[in-house]
Amino acid sequence: MDKPKTIDPLHGVTLEKILVELVDKFGWEELGTIITIRCFTFDPSIKSSLTFLRKTPWARKKVEDLYLSIQR
């Protein structure tokens, strides 16, 4: 039997992969301008940003929405 396909465009994409792609595309400075989150503007790192985004649903949603907008 075939497995049903998910309609979630983020299925199988890790938060780390999303963040790395956004940083590669925009850089920390521009990313901090697009999404005003302190972890992007003050001593940014992947590790600290992931910690914050995993604990903060509204911020994670903004990051995921930006990622989806550049995928189209």
PDB file of N, CA and C in Angstrom:
ATOM      1  N   MET A   1       0.829  -1.191   0.000  1.00  0.00           N
ATOM      2  CA  MET A   1       0.000   0.000   0.000  1.00  0.00           C
ATOM      3  C   MET A   1       0.866   1.244   0.000  1.00  0.00           C
ATOM      4  N   ASP A   2       0.410   2.237  -0.716  1.00  0.00           N
ATOM      5  CA  ASP A   2       1.115   3.514  -0.722  1.00  0.00           C
ATOM      6  C   ASP A   2       0.782   4.293   0.535  1.00  0.00           C
ATOM      7  N   LYS A   3       1.808   4.954   1.061  1.00  0.00           N
ATOM      8  CA  LYS A   3       1.572   5.809   2.219  1.00  0.00           C
ATOM      9  C   LYS A   3       0.942   7.113   1.742  1.00  0.00           C
ATOM     10  N   PRO A   4      -0.028   7.620   2.493  1.00  0.00           N
ATOM     11  CA  PRO A   4      -0.624   8.893   2.081  1.00  0.00           C
ATOM     12  C   PRO A   4       0.410  10.016   2.185  1.00  0.00           C
ATOM     13  N   LYS A   5       0.385  10.911   1.215  1.00  0.00           N
ATOM     14  CA  LYS A   5       1.318  12.027   1.206  1.00  0.00           C
ATOM     15  C   LYS A   5       0.797  13.123   2.124  1.00  0.00           C
ATOM     16  N   THR A   6       1.720  13.752   2.817  1.00  0.00           N
ATOM     17  CA  THR A   6       1.353  14.838   3.710  1.00  0.00           C
ATOM     18  C   THR A   6       1.238  16.140   2.919  1.00  0.00           C
ATOM     19  N   ILE A   7       0.364  17.002   3.370  1.00  0.00           N
ATOM     20  CA  ILE A   7       0.223  18.294   2.707  1.00  0.00           C
ATOM     21  C   ILE A   7       1.044  19.375   3.412  1.00  0.00           C
ATOM     22  N   ASP A   8       1.724  19.004   4.484  1.00  0.00           N
ATOM     23  CA  ASP A   8       2.562  19.943   5.222  1.00  0.00           C
ATOM     24  C   ASP A   8       3.854  20.187   4.447  1.00  0.00           C
ATOM     25  N   PRO A   9       4.085  21.414   3.968  1.00  0.00           N
ATOM     26  CA  PRO A   9       5.293  21.681   3.179  1.00  0.00           C
ATOM     27  C   PRO A   9       6.582  21.600   4.000  1.00  0.00           C
ATOM     28  N   LEU A  10       6.468  21.619   5.314  1.00  0.00           N
ATOM     29  CA  LEU A  10       7.651  21.540   6.173  1.00  0.00           C
ATOM     30  C   LEU A  10       7.928  20.126   6.666  1.00  0.00           C
ATOM     31  N   HIS A  11       7.128  19.173   6.210  1.00  0.00           N
ATOM     32  CA  HIS A  11       7.307  17.791   6.635  1.00  0.00           C
ATOM     33  C   HIS A  11       8.707  17.304   6.254  1.00  0.00           C
ATOM     34  N   GLY A  12       9.452  16.830   7.247  1.00  0.00           N
ATOM     35  CA  GLY A  12      10.780  16.295   7.003  1.00  0.00           C
ATOM     36  C   GLY A  12      11.887  17.331   6.969  1.00  0.00           C
ATOM     37  N   VAL A  13      11.541  18.610   7.151  1.00  0.00           N
ATOM     38  CA  VAL A  13      12.542  19.680   7.147  1.00  0.00           C
ATOM     39  C   VAL A  13      12.785  20.096   8.590  1.00  0.00           C
ATOM     40  N   THR A  14      14.024  19.999   9.035  1.00  0.00           N
ATOM     41  CA  THR A  14      14.327  20.345  10.423  1.00  0.00           C
ATOM     42  C   THR A  14      14.429  21.861  10.588  1.00  0.00           C
ATOM     43  N   LEU A  15      14.208  22.306  11.802  1.00  0.00           N
ATOM     44  CA  LEU A  15      14.335  23.723  12.114  1.00  0.00           C
ATOM     45  C   LEU A  15      15.772  24.188  11.855  1.00  0.00           C
ATOM     46  N   GLU A  16      16.737  23.335  12.146  1.00  0.00           N
ATOM     47  CA  GLU A  16      18.132  23.692  11.893  1.00  0.00           C
ATOM     48  C   GLU A  16      18.381  23.908  10.405  1.00  0.00           C
ATOM     49  N   LYS A  17      17.846  23.049   9.563  1.00  0.00           N
ATOM     50  CA  LYS A  17      18.009  23.196   8.109  1.00  0.00           C
ATOM     51  C   LYS A  17      17.381  24.495   7.636  1.00  0.00           C
ATOM     52  N   ILE A  18      16.205  24.817   8.156  1.00  0.00           N
ATOM     53  CA  ILE A  18      15.527  26.058   7.799  1.00  0.00           C
ATOM     54  C   ILE A  18      16.403  27.254   8.164  1.00  0.00           C
ATOM     55  N   LEU A  19      16.900  27.255   9.394  1.00  0.00           N
ATOM     56  CA  LEU A  19      17.697  28.378   9.878  1.00  0.00           C
ATOM     57  C   LEU A  19      18.995  28.519   9.092  1.00  0.00           C
ATOM     58  N   VAL A  20      19.666  27.415   8.829  1.00  0.00           N
ATOM     59  CA  VAL A  20      20.919  27.462   8.073  1.00  0.00           C
ATOM     60  C   VAL A  20      20.678  28.024   6.674  1.00  0.00           C
ATOM     61  N   GLU A  21      19.618  27.602   6.018  1.00  0.00           N
ATOM     62  CA  GLU A  21      19.319  28.111   4.677  1.00  0.00           C
ATOM     63  C   GLU A  21      19.005  29.603   4.703  1.00  0.00           C
ATOM     64  N   LEU A  22      18.265  30.045   5.713  1.00  0.00           N
ATOM     65  CA  LEU A  22      17.948  31.471   5.816  1.00  0.00           C
ATOM     66  C   LEU A  22      19.204  32.299   6.079  1.00  0.00           C
ATOM     67  N   VAL A  23      20.069  31.817   6.943  1.00  0.00           N
ATOM     68  CA  VAL A  23      21.317  32.543   7.229  1.00  0.00           C
ATOM     69  C   VAL A  23      22.214  32.566   5.991  1.00  0.00           C
ATOM     70  N   ASP A  24      22.269  31.469   5.257  1.00  0.00           N
ATOM     71  CA  ASP A  24      23.063  31.430   4.022  1.00  0.00           C
ATOM     72  C   ASP A  24      22.529  32.424   2.997  1.00  0.00           C
ATOM     73  N   LYS A  25      21.219  32.521   2.907  1.00  0.00           N
ATOM     74  CA  LYS A  25      20.602  33.405   1.910  1.00  0.00           C
ATOM     75  C   LYS A  25      20.678  34.872   2.306  1.00  0.00           C
ATOM     76  N   PHE A  26      20.349  35.174   3.568  1.00  0.00           N
ATOM     77  CA  PHE A  26      20.220  36.570   3.987  1.00  0.00           C
ATOM     78  C   PHE A  26      21.383  37.074   4.841  1.00  0.00           C
ATOM     79  N   GLY A  27      22.026  36.196   5.581  1.00  0.00           N
ATOM     80  CA  GLY A  27      23.012  36.627   6.570  1.00  0.00           C
ATOM     81  C   GLY A  27      22.293  37.042   7.843  1.00  0.00           C
ATOM     82  N   TRP A  28      23.024  37.070   8.950  1.00  0.00           N
ATOM     83  CA  TRP A  28      22.393  37.371  10.242  1.00  0.00           C
ATOM     84  C   TRP A  28      21.818  38.785  10.279  1.00  0.00           C
ATOM     85  N   GLU A  29      22.566  39.751   9.739  1.00  0.00           N
ATOM     86  CA  GLU A  29      22.127  41.155   9.821  1.00  0.00           C
ATOM     87  C   GLU A  29      20.797  41.367   9.103  1.00  0.00           C
ATOM     88  N   GLU A  30      20.712  40.909   7.871  1.00  0.00           N
ATOM     89  CA  GLU A  30      19.468  41.079   7.114  1.00  0.00           C
ATOM     90  C   GLU A  30      18.337  40.241   7.713  1.00  0.00           C
ATOM     91  N   LEU A  31      18.656  39.046   8.177  1.00  0.00           N
ATOM     92  CA  LEU A  31      17.639  38.203   8.803  1.00  0.00           C
ATOM     93  C   LEU A  31      17.071  38.893  10.041  1.00  0.00           C
ATOM     94  N   GLY A  32      17.947  39.553  10.813  1.00  0.00           N
ATOM     95  CA  GLY A  32      17.500  40.305  11.985  1.00  0.00           C
ATOM     96  C   GLY A  32      16.663  41.514  11.630  1.00  0.00           C
ATOM     97  N   THR A  33      16.850  42.042  10.429  1.00  0.00           N
ATOM     98  CA  THR A  33      16.024  43.156   9.955  1.00  0.00           C
ATOM     99  C   THR A  33      14.656  42.648   9.490  1.00  0.00           C
ATOM    100  N   ILE A  34      14.656  41.531   8.807  1.00  0.00           N
ATOM    101  CA  ILE A  34      13.404  40.957   8.300  1.00  0.00           C
ATOM    102  C   ILE A  34      12.537  40.461   9.453  1.00  0.00           C
ATOM    103  N   ILE A  35      13.150  39.729  10.371  1.00  0.00           N
ATOM    104  CA  ILE A  35      12.446  39.205  11.549  1.00  0.00           C
ATOM    105  C   ILE A  35      13.169  39.760  12.772  1.00  0.00           C
ATOM    106  N   THR A  36      12.532  40.704  13.446  1.00  0.00           N
ATOM    107  CA  THR A  36      13.170  41.364  14.573  1.00  0.00           C
ATOM    108  C   THR A  36      13.129  40.472  15.811  1.00  0.00           C
ATOM    109  N   ILE A  37      14.175  39.681  15.936  1.00  0.00           N
ATOM    110  CA  ILE A  37      14.339  38.791  17.084  1.00  0.00           C
ATOM    111  C   ILE A  37      15.755  39.008  17.592  1.00  0.00           C
ATOM    112  N   ARG A  38      15.900  39.205  18.875  1.00  0.00           N
ATOM    113  CA  ARG A  38      17.204  39.543  19.454  1.00  0.00           C
ATOM    114  C   ARG A  38      18.261  38.482  19.178  1.00  0.00           C
ATOM    115  N   CYS A  39      17.880  37.226  19.134  1.00  0.00           N
ATOM    116  CA  CYS A  39      18.875  36.175  18.894  1.00  0.00           C
ATOM    117  C   CYS A  39      19.464  36.255  17.485  1.00  0.00           C
ATOM    118  N   PHE A  40      18.843  37.034  16.580  1.00  0.00           N
ATOM    119  CA  PHE A  40      19.384  37.249  15.244  1.00  0.00           C
ATOM    120  C   PHE A  40      20.250  38.503  15.177  1.00  0.00           C
ATOM    121  N   THR A  41      20.093  39.405  16.140  1.00  0.00           N
ATOM    122  CA  THR A  41      20.785  40.685  16.060  1.00  0.00           C
ATOM    123  C   THR A  41      21.894  40.862  17.090  1.00  0.00           C
ATOM    124  N   PHE A  42      21.866  40.144  18.181  1.00  0.00           N
ATOM    125  CA  PHE A  42      22.862  40.288  19.228  1.00  0.00           C
ATOM    126  C   PHE A  42      23.617  38.980  19.413  1.00  0.00           C
ATOM    127  N   ASP A  43      24.866  38.964  18.979  1.00  0.00           N
ATOM    128  CA  ASP A  43      25.725  37.785  19.078  1.00  0.00           C
ATOM    129  C   ASP A  43      25.032  36.516  18.559  1.00  0.00           C
ATOM    130  N   PRO A  44      24.598  36.535  17.284  1.00  0.00           N
ATOM    131  CA  PRO A  44      23.822  35.415  16.750  1.00  0.00           C
ATOM    132  C   PRO A  44      24.648  34.147  16.539  1.00  0.00           C
ATOM    133  N   SER A  45      23.991  33.024  16.749  1.00  0.00           N
ATOM    134  CA  SER A  45      24.571  31.724  16.419  1.00  0.00           C
ATOM    135  C   SER A  45      23.417  30.764  16.131  1.00  0.00           C
ATOM    136  N   ILE A  46      23.732  29.727  15.407  1.00  0.00           N
ATOM    137  CA  ILE A  46      22.711  28.718  15.099  1.00  0.00           C
ATOM    138  C   ILE A  46      22.206  28.097  16.396  1.00  0.00           C
ATOM    139  N   LYS A  47      23.122  27.732  17.283  1.00  0.00           N
ATOM    140  CA  LYS A  47      22.741  27.049  18.521  1.00  0.00           C
ATOM    141  C   LYS A  47      21.814  27.899  19.385  1.00  0.00           C
ATOM    142  N   SER A  48      22.176  29.165  19.622  1.00  0.00           N
ATOM    143  CA  SER A  48      21.340  30.006  20.484  1.00  0.00           C
ATOM    144  C   SER A  48      19.999  30.306  19.824  1.00  0.00           C
ATOM    145  N   SER A  49      20.017  30.483  18.511  1.00  0.00           N
ATOM    146  CA  SER A  49      18.766  30.754  17.801  1.00  0.00           C
ATOM    147  C   SER A  49      17.833  29.551  17.837  1.00  0.00           C
ATOM    148  N   LEU A  50      18.382  28.351  17.657  1.00  0.00           N
ATOM    149  CA  LEU A  50      17.566  27.142  17.723  1.00  0.00           C
ATOM    150  C   LEU A  50      16.944  26.981  19.105  1.00  0.00           C
ATOM    151  N   THR A  51      17.717  27.250  20.142  1.00  0.00           N
ATOM    152  CA  THR A  51      17.202  27.152  21.514  1.00  0.00           C
ATOM    153  C   THR A  51      16.017  28.091  21.692  1.00  0.00           C
ATOM    154  N   PHE A  52      16.170  29.340  21.248  1.00  0.00           N
ATOM    155  CA  PHE A  52      15.096  30.314  21.376  1.00  0.00           C
ATOM    156  C   PHE A  52      13.876  29.917  20.539  1.00  0.00           C
ATOM    157  N   LEU A  53      14.101  29.552  19.292  1.00  0.00           N
ATOM    158  CA  LEU A  53      12.984  29.239  18.397  1.00  0.00           C
ATOM    159  C   LEU A  53      12.203  28.011  18.853  1.00  0.00           C
ATOM    160  N   ARG A  54      12.880  27.055  19.446  1.00  0.00           N
ATOM    161  CA  ARG A  54      12.184  25.852  19.934  1.00  0.00           C
ATOM    162  C   ARG A  54      11.285  26.171  21.125  1.00  0.00           C
ATOM    163  N   LYS A  55      11.608  27.219  21.863  1.00  0.00           N
ATOM    164  CA  LYS A  55      10.824  27.589  23.046  1.00  0.00           C
ATOM    165  C   LYS A  55       9.784  28.673  22.760  1.00  0.00           C
ATOM    166  N   THR A  56       9.827  29.268  21.567  1.00  0.00           N
ATOM    167  CA  THR A  56       8.995  30.429  21.276  1.00  0.00           C
ATOM    168  C   THR A  56       8.199  30.202  19.987  1.00  0.00           C
ATOM    169  N   PRO A  57       6.971  29.723  20.111  1.00  0.00           N
ATOM    170  CA  PRO A  57       6.186  29.373  18.924  1.00  0.00           C
ATOM    171  C   PRO A  57       5.956  30.523  17.939  1.00  0.00           C
ATOM    172  N   TRP A  58       5.717  31.740  18.427  1.00  0.00           N
ATOM    173  CA  TRP A  58       5.458  32.857  17.503  1.00  0.00           C
ATOM    174  C   TRP A  58       6.688  33.168  16.662  1.00  0.00           C
ATOM    175  N   ALA A  59       7.872  33.068  17.247  1.00  0.00           N
ATOM    176  CA  ALA A  59       9.106  33.342  16.513  1.00  0.00           C
ATOM    177  C   ALA A  59       9.384  32.226  15.504  1.00  0.00           C
ATOM    178  N   ARG A  60       9.155  30.995  15.927  1.00  0.00           N
ATOM    179  CA  ARG A  60       9.359  29.858  15.026  1.00  0.00           C
ATOM    180  C   ARG A  60       8.435  29.975  13.813  1.00  0.00           C
ATOM    181  N   LYS A  61       7.197  30.388  14.032  1.00  0.00           N
ATOM    182  CA  LYS A  61       6.247  30.555  12.930  1.00  0.00           C
ATOM    183  C   LYS A  61       6.749  31.594  11.927  1.00  0.00           C
ATOM    184  N   LYS A  62       7.287  32.698  12.426  1.00  0.00           N
ATOM    185  CA  LYS A  62       7.814  33.733  11.526  1.00  0.00           C
ATOM    186  C   LYS A  62       8.967  33.194  10.687  1.00  0.00           C
ATOM    187  N   VAL A  63       9.838  32.419  11.306  1.00  0.00           N
ATOM    188  CA  VAL A  63      10.979  31.835  10.594  1.00  0.00           C
ATOM    189  C   VAL A  63      10.486  30.823   9.554  1.00  0.00           C
ATOM    190  N   GLU A  64       9.561  29.976   9.938  1.00  0.00           N
ATOM    191  CA  GLU A  64       9.013  28.990   8.999  1.00  0.00           C
ATOM    192  C   GLU A  64       8.288  29.670   7.840  1.00  0.00           C
ATOM    193  N   ASP A  65       7.538  30.720   8.124  1.00  0.00           N
ATOM    194  CA  ASP A  65       6.827  31.446   7.063  1.00  0.00           C
ATOM    195  C   ASP A  65       7.799  32.087   6.079  1.00  0.00           C
ATOM    196  N   LEU A  66       8.878  32.661   6.587  1.00  0.00           N
ATOM    197  CA  LEU A  66       9.885  33.252   5.704  1.00  0.00           C
ATOM    198  C   LEU A  66      10.518  32.168   4.838  1.00  0.00           C
ATOM    199  N   TYR A  67      10.844  31.049   5.440  1.00  0.00           N
ATOM    200  CA  TYR A  67      11.432  29.931   4.698  1.00  0.00           C
ATOM    201  C   TYR A  67      10.492  29.468   3.572  1.00  0.00           C
ATOM    202  N   LEU A  68       9.220  29.324   3.896  1.00  0.00           N
ATOM    203  CA  LEU A  68       8.256  28.888   2.876  1.00  0.00           C
ATOM    204  C   LEU A  68       8.126  29.918   1.758  1.00  0.00           C
ATOM    205  N   SER A  69       8.225  31.196   2.091  1.00  0.00           N
ATOM    206  CA  SER A  69       8.086  32.242   1.068  1.00  0.00           C
ATOM    207  C   SER A  69       9.248  32.223   0.082  1.00  0.00           C
ATOM    208  N   ILE A  70      10.430  31.804   0.506  1.00  0.00           N
ATOM    209  CA  ILE A  70      11.562  31.768  -0.429  1.00  0.00           C
ATOM    210  C   ILE A  70      11.621  30.447  -1.185  1.00  0.00           C
ATOM    211  N   GLN A  71      10.840  29.470  -0.781  1.00  0.00           N
ATOM    212  CA  GLN A  71      10.818  28.168  -1.453  1.00  0.00           C
ATOM    213  C   GLN A  71       9.914  28.164  -2.675  1.00  0.00           C
ATOM    214  N   ARG A  72       9.053  29.126  -2.772  1.00  0.00           N
ATOM    215  CA  ARG A  72       8.079  29.155  -3.877  1.00  0.00           C
ATOM    216  C   ARG A  72       8.634  29.762  -5.121  1.00  0.00           C
TER     217      ARG A  72
END
